[in-house]
């Protein structure tokens, strides 16, 4: 599984960097995938975004957006260390 981490991280970066807003369900799946592959820092940031959406904040809300940006930054750091 460890050897798949860079690929999973790049795929997640692509999803998070797209123009389309992710749904809460998509975030939930991505949190699980990142956690499964040991990318816990990014999973934690996305979990914050998912929880914000669970309490009614929109995908475009600044708190959701900031958490997604943080998760993507952590993924970029992981890939660059690779």
PDB file of N, CA and C in Angstrom:
ATOM      1  N   UNK A   1       0.807  -1.196   0.000  1.00  0.00           N
ATOM      2  CA  UNK A   1       0.000   0.000   0.000  1.00  0.00           C
ATOM      3  C   UNK A   1       0.853   1.264   0.000  1.00  0.00           C
ATOM      4  N   UNK A   2       1.974   1.215   0.668  1.00  0.00           N
ATOM      5  CA  UNK A   2       2.833   2.390   0.778  1.00  0.00           C
ATOM      6  C   UNK A   2       3.277   2.869  -0.602  1.00  0.00           C
ATOM      7  N   UNK A   3       3.547   1.932  -1.500  1.00  0.00           N
ATOM      8  CA  UNK A   3       4.007   2.314  -2.836  1.00  0.00           C
ATOM      9  C   UNK A   3       2.921   3.014  -3.653  1.00  0.00           C
ATOM     10  N   UNK A   4       1.668   2.899  -3.240  1.00  0.00           N
ATOM     11  CA  UNK A   4       0.563   3.557  -3.948  1.00  0.00           C
ATOM     12  C   UNK A   4       0.299   4.974  -3.448  1.00  0.00           C
ATOM     13  N   UNK A   5       0.886   5.339  -2.327  1.00  0.00           N
ATOM     14  CA  UNK A   5       0.622   6.658  -1.745  1.00  0.00           C
ATOM     15  C   UNK A   5       0.845   7.818  -2.708  1.00  0.00           C
ATOM     16  N   UNK A   6       1.976   7.857  -3.423  1.00  0.00           N
ATOM     17  CA  UNK A   6       2.179   8.993  -4.341  1.00  0.00           C
ATOM     18  C   UNK A   6       1.083   9.105  -5.403  1.00  0.00           C
ATOM     19  N   UNK A   7       0.651   7.963  -5.935  1.00  0.00           N
ATOM     20  CA  UNK A   7      -0.411   7.989  -6.950  1.00  0.00           C
ATOM     21  C   UNK A   7      -1.721   8.472  -6.345  1.00  0.00           C
ATOM     22  N   UNK A   8      -2.057   7.960  -5.183  1.00  0.00           N
ATOM     23  CA  UNK A   8      -3.284   8.368  -4.495  1.00  0.00           C
ATOM     24  C   UNK A   8      -3.229   9.861  -4.174  1.00  0.00           C
ATOM     25  N   UNK A   9      -2.080  10.334  -3.731  1.00  0.00           N
ATOM     26  CA  UNK A   9      -1.920  11.759  -3.416  1.00  0.00           C
ATOM     27  C   UNK A   9      -2.102  12.615  -4.664  1.00  0.00           C
ATOM     28  N   UNK A  10      -1.514  12.202  -5.779  1.00  0.00           N
ATOM     29  CA  UNK A  10      -1.659  12.970  -7.026  1.00  0.00           C
ATOM     30  C   UNK A  10      -3.106  12.980  -7.504  1.00  0.00           C
ATOM     31  N   UNK A  11      -3.780  11.843  -7.407  1.00  0.00           N
ATOM     32  CA  UNK A  11      -5.188  11.777  -7.807  1.00  0.00           C
ATOM     33  C   UNK A  11      -6.039  12.696  -6.936  1.00  0.00           C
ATOM     34  N   UNK A  12      -5.767  12.708  -5.643  1.00  0.00           N
ATOM     35  CA  UNK A  12      -6.509  13.582  -4.728  1.00  0.00           C
ATOM     36  C   UNK A  12      -6.237  15.047  -5.036  1.00  0.00           C
ATOM     37  N   UNK A  13      -4.983  15.374  -5.344  1.00  0.00           N
ATOM     38  CA  UNK A  13      -4.641  16.758  -5.701  1.00  0.00           C
ATOM     39  C   UNK A  13      -5.420  17.194  -6.936  1.00  0.00           C
ATOM     40  N   UNK A  14      -5.554  16.304  -7.890  1.00  0.00           N
ATOM     41  CA  UNK A  14      -6.310  16.616  -9.104  1.00  0.00           C
ATOM     42  C   UNK A  14      -7.772  16.880  -8.767  1.00  0.00           C
ATOM     43  N   UNK A  15      -8.353  16.022  -7.942  1.00  0.00           N
ATOM     44  CA  UNK A  15      -9.751  16.215  -7.537  1.00  0.00           C
ATOM     45  C   UNK A  15      -9.948  17.537  -6.799  1.00  0.00           C
ATOM     46  N   UNK A  16      -9.034  17.831  -5.898  1.00  0.00           N
ATOM     47  CA  UNK A  16      -9.169  19.030  -5.075  1.00  0.00           C
ATOM     48  C   UNK A  16      -8.826  20.301  -5.836  1.00  0.00           C
ATOM     49  N   UNK A  17      -8.095  20.175  -6.911  1.00  0.00           N
ATOM     50  CA  UNK A  17      -7.688  21.351  -7.669  1.00  0.00           C
ATOM     51  C   UNK A  17      -8.594  21.673  -8.835  1.00  0.00           C
ATOM     52  N   UNK A  18      -9.621  20.866  -9.037  1.00  0.00           N
ATOM     53  CA  UNK A  18     -10.530  21.079 -10.157  1.00  0.00           C
ATOM     54  C   UNK A  18     -11.444  22.271  -9.953  1.00  0.00           C
ATOM     55  N   UNK A  19     -12.124  22.626 -11.011  1.00  0.00           N
ATOM     56  CA  UNK A  19     -13.039  23.767 -10.968  1.00  0.00           C
ATOM     57  C   UNK A  19     -14.368  23.432 -10.303  1.00  0.00           C
ATOM     58  N   UNK A  20     -14.713  22.156 -10.284  1.00  0.00           N
ATOM     59  CA  UNK A  20     -15.990  21.749  -9.714  1.00  0.00           C
ATOM     60  C   UNK A  20     -15.887  21.612  -8.200  1.00  0.00           C
ATOM     61  N   UNK A  21     -16.956  22.025  -7.519  1.00  0.00           N
ATOM     62  CA  UNK A  21     -17.001  21.862  -6.067  1.00  0.00           C
ATOM     63  C   UNK A  21     -17.360  20.418  -5.750  1.00  0.00           C
ATOM     64  N   UNK A  22     -16.684  19.858  -4.773  1.00  0.00           N
ATOM     65  CA  UNK A  22     -16.957  18.490  -4.362  1.00  0.00           C
ATOM     66  C   UNK A  22     -18.148  18.457  -3.418  1.00  0.00           C
ATOM     67  N   UNK A  23     -18.903  17.378  -3.483  1.00  0.00           N
ATOM     68  CA  UNK A  23     -20.016  17.198  -2.563  1.00  0.00           C
ATOM     69  C   UNK A  23     -19.495  16.642  -1.244  1.00  0.00           C
ATOM     70  N   UNK A  24     -20.343  16.670  -0.256  1.00  0.00           N
ATOM     71  CA  UNK A  24     -19.965  16.109   1.044  1.00  0.00           C
ATOM     72  C   UNK A  24     -19.654  14.616   0.911  1.00  0.00           C
ATOM     73  N   UNK A  25     -20.432  13.913   0.114  1.00  0.00           N
ATOM     74  CA  UNK A  25     -20.199  12.486  -0.100  1.00  0.00           C
ATOM     75  C   UNK A  25     -18.845  12.244  -0.758  1.00  0.00           C
ATOM     76  N   UNK A  26     -18.509  13.051  -1.747  1.00  0.00           N
ATOM     77  CA  UNK A  26     -17.206  12.910  -2.409  1.00  0.00           C
ATOM     78  C   UNK A  26     -16.066  13.188  -1.431  1.00  0.00           C
ATOM     79  N   UNK A  27     -16.245  14.207  -0.591  1.00  0.00           N
ATOM     80  CA  UNK A  27     -15.226  14.499   0.426  1.00  0.00           C
ATOM     81  C   UNK A  27     -15.086  13.328   1.390  1.00  0.00           C
ATOM     82  N   UNK A  28     -16.204  12.766   1.798  1.00  0.00           N
ATOM     83  CA  UNK A  28     -16.196  11.637   2.729  1.00  0.00           C
ATOM     84  C   UNK A  28     -15.410  10.459   2.143  1.00  0.00           C
ATOM     85  N   UNK A  29     -15.668  10.150   0.892  1.00  0.00           N
ATOM     86  CA  UNK A  29     -14.946   9.050   0.230  1.00  0.00           C
ATOM     87  C   UNK A  29     -13.457   9.346   0.142  1.00  0.00           C
ATOM     88  N   UNK A  30     -13.134  10.596  -0.178  1.00  0.00           N
ATOM     89  CA  UNK A  30     -11.729  10.972  -0.310  1.00  0.00           C
ATOM     90  C   UNK A  30     -11.019  10.928   1.042  1.00  0.00           C
ATOM     91  N   UNK A  31     -11.705  11.343   2.101  1.00  0.00           N
ATOM     92  CA  UNK A  31     -11.136  11.247   3.454  1.00  0.00           C
ATOM     93  C   UNK A  31     -10.783   9.793   3.753  1.00  0.00           C
ATOM     94  N   UNK A  32     -11.707   8.893   3.480  1.00  0.00           N
ATOM     95  CA  UNK A  32     -11.462   7.472   3.725  1.00  0.00           C
ATOM     96  C   UNK A  32     -10.306   6.930   2.910  1.00  0.00           C
ATOM     97  N   UNK A  33     -10.237   7.321   1.660  1.00  0.00           N
ATOM     98  CA  UNK A  33      -9.153   6.846   0.784  1.00  0.00           C
ATOM     99  C   UNK A  33      -7.800   7.356   1.269  1.00  0.00           C
ATOM    100  N   UNK A  34      -7.733   8.635   1.614  1.00  0.00           N
ATOM    101  CA  UNK A  34      -6.471   9.196   2.097  1.00  0.00           C
ATOM    102  C   UNK A  34      -6.046   8.539   3.409  1.00  0.00           C
ATOM    103  N   UNK A  35      -6.994   8.335   4.307  1.00  0.00           N
ATOM    104  CA  UNK A  35      -6.680   7.700   5.589  1.00  0.00           C
ATOM    105  C   UNK A  35      -6.220   6.256   5.386  1.00  0.00           C
ATOM    106  N   UNK A  36      -6.861   5.553   4.472  1.00  0.00           N
ATOM    107  CA  UNK A  36      -6.480   4.171   4.181  1.00  0.00           C
ATOM    108  C   UNK A  36      -5.033   4.071   3.733  1.00  0.00           C
ATOM    109  N   UNK A  37      -4.592   5.054   2.960  1.00  0.00           N
ATOM    110  CA  UNK A  37      -3.229   5.041   2.436  1.00  0.00           C
ATOM    111  C   UNK A  37      -2.243   5.805   3.317  1.00  0.00           C
ATOM    112  N   UNK A  38      -2.656   6.155   4.510  1.00  0.00           N
ATOM    113  CA  UNK A  38      -1.736   6.765   5.463  1.00  0.00           C
ATOM    114  C   UNK A  38      -1.452   8.236   5.244  1.00  0.00           C
ATOM    115  N   UNK A  39      -2.289   8.910   4.481  1.00  0.00           N
ATOM    116  CA  UNK A  39      -2.124  10.345   4.236  1.00  0.00           C
ATOM    117  C   UNK A  39      -3.011  11.105   5.226  1.00  0.00           C
ATOM    118  N   UNK A  40      -2.688  10.941   6.493  1.00  0.00           N
ATOM    119  CA  UNK A  40      -3.549  11.396   7.574  1.00  0.00           C
ATOM    120  C   UNK A  40      -3.655  12.912   7.699  1.00  0.00           C
ATOM    121  N   UNK A  41      -2.587  13.645   7.416  1.00  0.00           N
ATOM    122  CA  UNK A  41      -2.654  15.108   7.518  1.00  0.00           C
ATOM    123  C   UNK A  41      -3.689  15.674   6.553  1.00  0.00           C
ATOM    124  N   UNK A  42      -3.665  15.186   5.337  1.00  0.00           N
ATOM    125  CA  UNK A  42      -4.627  15.652   4.335  1.00  0.00           C
ATOM    126  C   UNK A  42      -6.034  15.171   4.669  1.00  0.00           C
ATOM    127  N   UNK A  43      -6.136  13.934   5.131  1.00  0.00           N
ATOM    128  CA  UNK A  43      -7.445  13.394   5.502  1.00  0.00           C
ATOM    129  C   UNK A  43      -8.063  14.218   6.626  1.00  0.00           C
ATOM    130  N   UNK A  44      -7.247  14.623   7.583  1.00  0.00           N
ATOM    131  CA  UNK A  44      -7.745  15.425   8.704  1.00  0.00           C
ATOM    132  C   UNK A  44      -8.282  16.776   8.222  1.00  0.00           C
ATOM    133  N   UNK A  45      -7.561  17.419   7.321  1.00  0.00           N
ATOM    134  CA  UNK A  45      -8.011  18.708   6.797  1.00  0.00           C
ATOM    135  C   UNK A  45      -9.323  18.547   6.029  1.00  0.00           C
ATOM    136  N   UNK A  46      -9.427  17.498   5.239  1.00  0.00           N
ATOM    137  CA  UNK A  46     -10.669  17.268   4.493  1.00  0.00           C
ATOM    138  C   UNK A  46     -11.815  16.885   5.415  1.00  0.00           C
ATOM    139  N   UNK A  47     -11.502  16.203   6.495  1.00  0.00           N
ATOM    140  CA  UNK A  47     -12.542  15.856   7.467  1.00  0.00           C
ATOM    141  C   UNK A  47     -13.150  17.132   8.051  1.00  0.00           C
ATOM    142  N   UNK A  48     -12.311  18.135   8.273  1.00  0.00           N
ATOM    143  CA  UNK A  48     -12.821  19.428   8.748  1.00  0.00           C
ATOM    144  C   UNK A  48     -13.788  20.030   7.733  1.00  0.00           C
ATOM    145  N   UNK A  49     -13.446  19.943   6.452  1.00  0.00           N
ATOM    146  CA  UNK A  49     -14.326  20.459   5.399  1.00  0.00           C
ATOM    147  C   UNK A  49     -15.641  19.684   5.378  1.00  0.00           C
ATOM    148  N   UNK A  50     -15.540  18.376   5.482  1.00  0.00           N
ATOM    149  CA  UNK A  50     -16.737  17.533   5.474  1.00  0.00           C
ATOM    150  C   UNK A  50     -17.639  17.853   6.667  1.00  0.00           C
ATOM    151  N   UNK A  51     -17.045  18.033   7.836  1.00  0.00           N
ATOM    152  CA  UNK A  51     -17.831  18.351   9.028  1.00  0.00           C
ATOM    153  C   UNK A  51     -18.493  19.719   8.901  1.00  0.00           C
ATOM    154  N   UNK A  52     -17.802  20.665   8.285  1.00  0.00           N
ATOM    155  CA  UNK A  52     -18.403  21.980   8.057  1.00  0.00           C
ATOM    156  C   UNK A  52     -19.626  21.855   7.153  1.00  0.00           C
ATOM    157  N   UNK A  53     -19.514  21.018   6.137  1.00  0.00           N
ATOM    158  CA  UNK A  53     -20.651  20.814   5.238  1.00  0.00           C
ATOM    159  C   UNK A  53     -21.781  20.078   5.953  1.00  0.00           C
ATOM    160  N   UNK A  54     -21.429  19.199   6.881  1.00  0.00           N
ATOM    161  CA  UNK A  54     -22.442  18.447   7.617  1.00  0.00           C
ATOM    162  C   UNK A  54     -23.308  19.356   8.480  1.00  0.00           C
ATOM    163  N   UNK A  55     -22.744  20.467   8.928  1.00  0.00           N
ATOM    164  CA  UNK A  55     -23.538  21.386   9.753  1.00  0.00           C
ATOM    165  C   UNK A  55     -24.204  22.471   8.914  1.00  0.00           C
ATOM    166  N   UNK A  56     -24.153  22.304   7.594  1.00  0.00           N
ATOM    167  CA  UNK A  56     -24.921  23.183   6.730  1.00  0.00           C
ATOM    168  C   UNK A  56     -24.150  24.214   5.935  1.00  0.00           C
ATOM    169  N   UNK A  57     -22.848  24.233   6.070  1.00  0.00           N
ATOM    170  CA  UNK A  57     -22.081  25.191   5.270  1.00  0.00           C
ATOM    171  C   UNK A  57     -21.994  24.694   3.831  1.00  0.00           C
ATOM    172  N   UNK A  58     -22.038  25.623   2.911  1.00  0.00           N
ATOM    173  CA  UNK A  58     -21.978  25.285   1.487  1.00  0.00           C
ATOM    174  C   UNK A  58     -20.547  24.943   1.086  1.00  0.00           C
ATOM    175  N   UNK A  59     -20.422  24.242  -0.034  1.00  0.00           N
ATOM    176  CA  UNK A  59     -19.097  23.866  -0.532  1.00  0.00           C
ATOM    177  C   UNK A  59     -18.246  25.091  -0.824  1.00  0.00           C
ATOM    178  N   UNK A  60     -18.878  26.199  -1.163  1.00  0.00           N
ATOM    179  CA  UNK A  60     -18.142  27.421  -1.465  1.00  0.00           C
ATOM    180  C   UNK A  60     -17.831  28.278  -0.253  1.00  0.00           C
ATOM    181  N   UNK A  61     -18.265  27.862   0.922  1.00  0.00           N
ATOM    182  CA  UNK A  61     -18.017  28.615   2.150  1.00  0.00           C
ATOM    183  C   UNK A  61     -16.512  28.707   2.407  1.00  0.00           C
ATOM    184  N   UNK A  62     -16.089  29.813   2.977  1.00  0.00           N
ATOM    185  CA  UNK A  62     -14.648  30.030   3.178  1.00  0.00           C
ATOM    186  C   UNK A  62     -14.019  28.982   4.093  1.00  0.00           C
ATOM    187  N   UNK A  63     -14.721  28.520   5.114  1.00  0.00           N
ATOM    188  CA  UNK A  63     -14.136  27.515   6.010  1.00  0.00           C
ATOM    189  C   UNK A  63     -13.940  26.184   5.288  1.00  0.00           C
ATOM    190  N   UNK A  64     -14.890  25.820   4.442  1.00  0.00           N
ATOM    191  CA  UNK A  64     -14.769  24.592   3.652  1.00  0.00           C
ATOM    192  C   UNK A  64     -13.620  24.746   2.660  1.00  0.00           C
ATOM    193  N   UNK A  65     -13.610  25.867   1.972  1.00  0.00           N
ATOM    194  CA  UNK A  65     -12.562  26.138   0.980  1.00  0.00           C
ATOM    195  C   UNK A  65     -11.176  26.123   1.623  1.00  0.00           C
ATOM    196  N   UNK A  66     -11.035  26.775   2.768  1.00  0.00           N
ATOM    197  CA  UNK A  66      -9.737  26.835   3.446  1.00  0.00           C
ATOM    198  C   UNK A  66      -9.241  25.445   3.843  1.00  0.00           C
ATOM    199  N   UNK A  67     -10.152  24.593   4.298  1.00  0.00           N
ATOM    200  CA  UNK A  67      -9.765  23.225   4.670  1.00  0.00           C
ATOM    201  C   UNK A  67      -9.323  22.427   3.448  1.00  0.00           C
ATOM    202  N   UNK A  68     -10.003  22.628   2.334  1.00  0.00           N
ATOM    203  CA  UNK A  68      -9.635  21.936   1.099  1.00  0.00           C
ATOM    204  C   UNK A  68      -8.274  22.417   0.611  1.00  0.00           C
ATOM    205  N   UNK A  69      -8.043  23.717   0.681  1.00  0.00           N
ATOM    206  CA  UNK A  69      -6.743  24.269   0.281  1.00  0.00           C
ATOM    207  C   UNK A  69      -5.636  23.698   1.164  1.00  0.00           C
ATOM    208  N   UNK A  70      -5.881  23.621   2.461  1.00  0.00           N
ATOM    209  CA  UNK A  70      -4.891  23.064   3.384  1.00  0.00           C
ATOM    210  C   UNK A  70      -4.594  21.601   3.050  1.00  0.00           C
ATOM    211  N   UNK A  71      -5.630  20.833   2.779  1.00  0.00           N
ATOM    212  CA  UNK A  71      -5.435  19.425   2.423  1.00  0.00           C
ATOM    213  C   UNK A  71      -4.599  19.301   1.156  1.00  0.00           C
ATOM    214  N   UNK A  72      -4.893  20.127   0.178  1.00  0.00           N
ATOM    215  CA  UNK A  72      -4.139  20.084  -1.082  1.00  0.00           C
ATOM    216  C   UNK A  72      -2.678  20.477  -0.852  1.00  0.00           C
ATOM    217  N   UNK A  73      -2.449  21.490  -0.028  1.00  0.00           N
ATOM    218  CA  UNK A  73      -1.071  21.898   0.281  1.00  0.00           C
ATOM    219  C   UNK A  73      -0.298  20.762   0.939  1.00  0.00           C
ATOM    220  N   UNK A  74      -0.958  20.046   1.836  1.00  0.00           N
ATOM    221  CA  UNK A  74      -0.305  18.914   2.503  1.00  0.00           C
ATOM    222  C   UNK A  74       0.000  17.791   1.518  1.00  0.00           C
ATOM    223  N   UNK A  75      -0.879  17.602   0.545  1.00  0.00           N
ATOM    224  CA  UNK A  75      -0.619  16.604  -0.491  1.00  0.00           C
ATOM    225  C   UNK A  75       0.561  17.020  -1.366  1.00  0.00           C
ATOM    226  N   UNK A  76       0.619  18.292  -1.710  1.00  0.00           N
ATOM    227  CA  UNK A  76       1.738  18.803  -2.507  1.00  0.00           C
ATOM    228  C   UNK A  76       3.049  18.585  -1.760  1.00  0.00           C
ATOM    229  N   UNK A  77       3.057  18.879  -0.460  1.00  0.00           N
ATOM    230  CA  UNK A  77       4.257  18.658   0.356  1.00  0.00           C
ATOM    231  C   UNK A  77       4.661  17.186   0.344  1.00  0.00           C
ATOM    232  N   UNK A  78       3.675  16.303   0.489  1.00  0.00           N
ATOM    233  CA  UNK A  78       3.966  14.871   0.493  1.00  0.00           C
ATOM    234  C   UNK A  78       4.584  14.435  -0.831  1.00  0.00           C
ATOM    235  N   UNK A  79       3.989  14.853  -1.933  1.00  0.00           N
ATOM    236  CA  UNK A  79       4.483  14.453  -3.253  1.00  0.00           C
ATOM    237  C   UNK A  79       5.871  15.029  -3.505  1.00  0.00           C
ATOM    238  N   UNK A  80       6.103  16.257  -3.071  1.00  0.00           N
ATOM    239  CA  UNK A  80       7.407  16.885  -3.319  1.00  0.00           C
ATOM    240  C   UNK A  80       8.530  16.228  -2.507  1.00  0.00           C
ATOM    241  N   UNK A  81       8.183  15.636  -1.366  1.00  0.00           N
ATOM    242  CA  UNK A  81       9.185  14.918  -0.563  1.00  0.00           C
ATOM    243  C   UNK A  81       9.539  13.577  -1.172  1.00  0.00           C
ATOM    244  N   UNK A  82       8.561  13.025  -1.944  1.00  0.00           N
ATOM    245  CA  UNK A  82       8.663  11.693  -2.513  1.00  0.00           C
ATOM    246  C   UNK A  82       9.913  11.402  -3.192  1.00  0.00           C
TER     247      UNK A  82
END
